Amino acid sequence: MANLTERLASLYTGVVYDVMRDMGFAAAVLPHDIRPLDPETKIAGPAFTLRGRPDKTVDAHTTLLEWTGFLSKAAPGHVVVCQPQDSVRALMGELSAETLKHRGVLGYLVDGGSRDVDFIKKIGFPVFCRYTTPVDIVGNWIPEAFDEPVTIGNVVIRAGDYILGDQDGTIVIPAADAERIIERAEAAVTTENLVREAIMKGEDPQQAYLKYGKF
């Protein structure tokens, strides 16, 4: 049987949101201006969290030493979720994206900026961000914590929580509840397909809803 990441990747944020809403979970949707660099890409997997901060006292060497240290720590099979506490710089670029992809990281989401868009799109590494800018972190920003909770918008993301992002947005699934949420989302997709099939065969949409309890 496929693992949770593979199963999550086969879903979409709308159905997962509906399931979490119906199960009584508080909305765990990240701000809508965090978007994929390439609308065709999706992120899915457990979170490896990174928090950092602007620091104008560090030199270029220290900045890059700390950043490459992060690249070494980022866990394969995970989605990096970065809270940079910064709205000026790019927190992802071409060499870093290629490094993370080569190391088996599944994607990168930042509550901030990215650059080198064309290159990142060409290598097919999923990056979600708020904005793009050529401004880099050298001499101005350092990481300060790994695998500790980070907050983006009004959502707290903990290491190991599951992330699903697509063109509609990004949703966070608590690690402890991920399996049953994914199971119910898979069942909901099956039911939606039955509703769609019934309507396409001529059944009244309201009757299809009443029959299957889903729309």
Protein backbone atom coordinates (compact mmCIF):
# COMPACT_ATOMS: atom_id res chain seq x y z
CA MET A 1 0.00 0.00 0.00
CA ALA A 2 1.25 3.50 -0.80
CA ASN A 3 2.69 5.48 2.07
CA LEU A 4 0.97 8.55 3.48
CA THR A 5 2.99 10.99 1.38
CA GLU A 6 2.12 9.19 -1.87
CA ARG A 7 -1.53 8.97 -0.89
CA LEU A 8 -1.64 12.64 0.08
CA ALA A 9 -0.01 13.63 -3.21
CA SER A 10 -2.87 11.95 -5.08
CA LEU A 11 -5.42 14.23 -3.36
CA TYR A 12 -6.16 17.93 -3.69
CA THR A 13 -6.51 20.66 -1.08
CA GLY A 14 -10.23 21.25 -1.60
CA VAL A 15 -11.27 17.73 -0.65
CA VAL A 16 -8.86 17.62 2.30
CA TYR A 17 -10.23 20.94 3.56
CA ASP A 18 -13.81 19.66 3.28
CA VAL A 19 -12.95 16.51 5.20
CA MET A 20 -11.13 18.41 7.95
CA ARG A 21 -14.03 20.84 8.24
CA ASP A 22 -16.54 18.00 8.55
CA MET A 23 -14.34 16.29 11.15
CA GLY A 24 -14.31 19.43 13.27
CA PHE A 25 -10.74 20.53 12.72
CA ALA A 26 -9.99 24.24 12.81
CA ALA A 27 -9.07 25.69 9.44
CA ALA A 28 -5.39 25.08 8.78
CA VAL A 29 -5.03 26.88 5.46
CA LEU A 30 -1.99 29.07 4.88
CA PRO A 31 -2.36 32.64 3.56
CA HIS A 32 -3.66 32.70 0.00
CA ASP A 33 -0.77 34.77 -1.31
CA ILE A 34 1.64 31.88 -0.76
CA ARG A 35 1.66 30.45 -4.27
CA PRO A 36 3.62 27.89 -6.30
CA LEU A 37 6.31 29.32 -8.57
CA ASP A 38 5.04 26.83 -11.14
CA PRO A 39 1.26 26.31 -10.99
CA GLU A 40 1.75 22.77 -12.30
CA THR A 41 3.70 21.70 -9.23
CA LYS A 42 2.33 20.32 -5.97
CA ILE A 43 3.91 19.82 -2.56
CA ALA A 44 2.98 16.90 -0.32
CA GLY A 45 4.73 15.36 2.65
CA PRO A 46 5.71 15.78 6.28
CA ALA A 47 7.18 19.11 7.34
CA PHE A 48 10.78 19.87 8.21
CA THR A 49 10.57 23.32 9.75
CA LEU A 50 13.08 26.14 9.54
CA ARG A 51 12.99 29.50 11.30
CA GLY A 52 15.45 32.32 10.71
CA ARG A 53 15.82 36.07 11.04
CA PRO A 54 17.46 39.09 9.43
CA ASP A 55 20.84 39.90 10.93
CA LYS A 56 22.99 42.68 9.52
CA THR A 57 25.85 41.91 11.90
CA VAL A 58 26.87 38.68 10.15
CA ASP A 59 29.38 38.59 7.33
CA ALA A 60 28.87 36.86 4.00
CA HIS A 61 30.91 33.80 4.99
CA THR A 62 28.91 33.23 8.17
CA THR A 63 25.65 33.62 6.32
CA LEU A 64 26.58 31.06 3.69
CA LEU A 65 28.10 28.69 6.24
CA GLU A 66 24.85 28.71 8.24
CA TRP A 67 22.71 28.38 5.10
CA THR A 68 24.64 25.43 3.73
CA GLY A 69 24.38 23.91 7.21
CA PHE A 70 20.61 24.09 6.81
CA LEU A 71 20.83 22.41 3.40
CA SER A 72 22.75 19.59 5.06
CA LYS A 73 20.13 19.19 7.82
CA ALA A 74 16.98 19.30 5.66
CA ALA A 75 15.38 15.85 5.93
CA PRO A 76 14.89 13.77 2.76
CA GLY A 77 11.28 12.78 2.16
CA HIS A 78 10.05 16.01 3.78
CA VAL A 79 8.77 19.42 2.72
CA VAL A 80 10.80 22.30 4.13
CA VAL A 81 8.57 24.94 5.71
CA CYS A 82 10.44 28.19 6.35
CA GLN A 83 9.43 31.13 8.52
CA PRO A 84 12.13 33.70 7.69
CA GLN A 85 10.63 36.59 9.66
CA ASP A 86 11.62 38.68 6.65
CA SER A 87 9.79 40.39 3.80
CA VAL A 88 12.75 41.67 1.79
CA ARG A 89 14.95 38.80 0.68
CA ALA A 90 14.73 35.61 -1.37
CA LEU A 91 14.98 32.54 0.86
CA MET A 92 15.37 30.10 -2.05
CA GLY A 93 17.42 30.14 -5.24
CA GLU A 94 18.68 27.90 -8.01
CA LEU A 95 21.63 26.16 -6.34
CA SER A 96 19.77 25.62 -3.08
CA ALA A 97 16.72 24.22 -4.90
CA GLU A 98 18.87 21.84 -6.92
CA THR A 99 20.72 20.75 -3.77
CA LEU A 100 17.50 20.04 -1.88
CA LYS A 101 16.04 18.13 -4.80
CA HIS A 102 19.22 16.06 -5.15
CA ARG A 103 19.10 15.25 -1.44
CA GLY A 104 15.53 13.93 -1.70
CA VAL A 105 13.64 16.87 -0.21
CA LEU A 106 10.11 16.96 -1.66
CA GLY A 107 9.55 20.71 -1.81
CA TYR A 108 10.04 24.07 -0.12
CA LEU A 109 7.48 26.52 1.25
CA VAL A 110 8.48 29.92 2.59
CA ASP A 111 6.52 32.74 4.20
CA GLY A 112 8.65 35.07 2.13
CA GLY A 113 10.50 35.29 -1.16
CA SER A 114 12.29 33.26 -3.78
CA ARG A 115 14.39 33.97 -6.87
CA ASP A 116 15.88 32.21 -9.92
CA VAL A 117 12.37 31.29 -10.98
CA ASP A 118 13.17 30.06 -14.48
CA PHE A 119 15.83 27.66 -13.24
CA ILE A 120 13.72 26.30 -10.41
CA LYS A 121 10.84 25.70 -12.80
CA LYS A 122 13.14 23.91 -15.23
CA ILE A 123 14.37 21.43 -12.64
CA GLY A 124 10.81 20.80 -11.44
CA PHE A 125 11.45 21.44 -7.76
CA PRO A 126 8.24 22.59 -6.03
CA VAL A 127 8.66 26.01 -4.38
CA PHE A 128 5.79 27.93 -2.79
CA CYS A 129 6.40 31.55 -1.74
CA ARG A 130 4.80 34.98 -1.27
CA TYR A 131 6.88 36.96 -3.76
CA THR A 132 9.99 36.91 -5.95
CA THR A 133 13.00 39.21 -5.77
CA PRO A 134 16.65 39.12 -6.84
CA VAL A 135 17.76 40.20 -3.33
CA ASP A 136 19.62 37.37 -1.59
CA ILE A 137 20.44 36.61 2.06
CA VAL A 138 24.22 37.10 1.94
CA GLY A 139 25.38 39.17 4.90
CA ASN A 140 21.81 39.80 6.01
CA TRP A 141 20.01 36.66 7.25
CA ILE A 142 20.70 33.50 9.23
CA PRO A 143 18.75 30.37 10.26
CA GLU A 144 18.14 30.02 13.99
CA ALA A 145 15.99 26.91 14.59
CA PHE A 146 15.18 23.58 12.93
CA ASP A 147 12.26 21.23 13.52
CA GLU A 148 10.65 23.61 16.01
CA PRO A 149 7.07 24.92 15.57
CA VAL A 150 6.70 27.85 13.18
CA THR A 151 3.68 30.05 12.57
CA ILE A 152 2.54 31.19 9.13
CA GLY A 153 -0.55 33.37 9.10
CA ASN A 154 -2.66 31.95 11.93
CA VAL A 155 -1.46 28.37 11.46
CA VAL A 156 1.15 26.68 13.65
CA ILE A 157 3.16 24.06 11.75
CA ARG A 158 5.01 21.44 13.75
CA ALA A 159 7.73 19.13 12.52
CA GLY A 160 6.08 16.06 11.04
CA ASP A 161 2.73 17.72 10.28
CA TYR A 162 1.68 16.95 6.71
CA ILE A 163 1.67 19.66 4.06
CA LEU A 164 -0.42 19.62 0.89
CA GLY A 165 -0.12 22.50 -1.54
CA ASP A 166 -1.53 22.96 -5.03
CA GLN A 167 -2.92 25.74 -7.23
CA ASP A 168 -5.77 26.35 -4.76
CA GLY A 169 -3.47 26.94 -1.77
CA THR A 170 -1.79 25.05 1.04
CA ILE A 171 -3.29 23.10 3.93
CA VAL A 172 -1.61 21.71 7.06
CA ILE A 173 -2.68 18.33 8.46
CA PRO A 174 -1.77 17.46 12.08
CA ALA A 175 0.63 14.51 12.14
CA ALA A 176 -1.40 12.58 14.73
CA ASP A 177 -4.54 12.72 12.57
CA ALA A 178 -3.00 12.50 9.11
CA GLU A 179 -3.85 8.88 8.38
CA ARG A 180 -7.55 9.10 9.19
CA ILE A 181 -7.90 12.46 7.42
CA ILE A 182 -6.25 11.03 4.31
CA GLU A 183 -8.45 7.92 4.48
CA ARG A 184 -11.61 10.03 4.65
CA ALA A 185 -10.39 12.29 1.84
CA GLU A 186 -9.79 9.24 -0.36
CA ALA A 187 -13.32 8.03 0.40
CA ALA A 188 -14.70 11.50 -0.38
CA VAL A 189 -13.00 11.50 -3.78
CA THR A 190 -14.63 8.14 -4.57
CA THR A 191 -18.04 9.50 -3.58
CA GLU A 192 -17.52 12.70 -5.60
CA ASN A 193 -16.80 10.56 -8.64
CA LEU A 194 -20.06 8.68 -8.12
CA VAL A 195 -21.96 11.99 -7.89
CA ARG A 196 -20.24 13.25 -11.05
CA GLU A 197 -21.03 10.04 -12.91
CA ALA A 198 -24.68 10.16 -11.86
CA ILE A 199 -25.09 13.76 -13.01
CA MET A 200 -23.33 13.08 -16.32
CA LYS A 201 -25.82 10.24 -16.87
CA GLY A 202 -28.70 12.66 -16.41
CA GLU A 203 -29.58 12.42 -12.72
CA ASP A 204 -30.83 15.63 -11.14
CA PRO A 205 -27.94 17.25 -9.17
CA GLN A 206 -30.05 17.71 -6.05
CA GLN A 207 -31.15 14.08 -6.17
CA ALA A 208 -27.53 13.03 -6.67
CA TYR A 209 -26.57 15.03 -3.60
CA LEU A 210 -29.35 13.49 -1.52
CA LYS A 211 -28.41 10.02 -2.73
CA TYR A 212 -24.71 10.25 -1.96
CA GLY A 213 -24.60 12.98 0.70
CA LYS A 214 -21.76 14.74 -1.07
CA PHE A 215 -21.31 17.61 -3.47
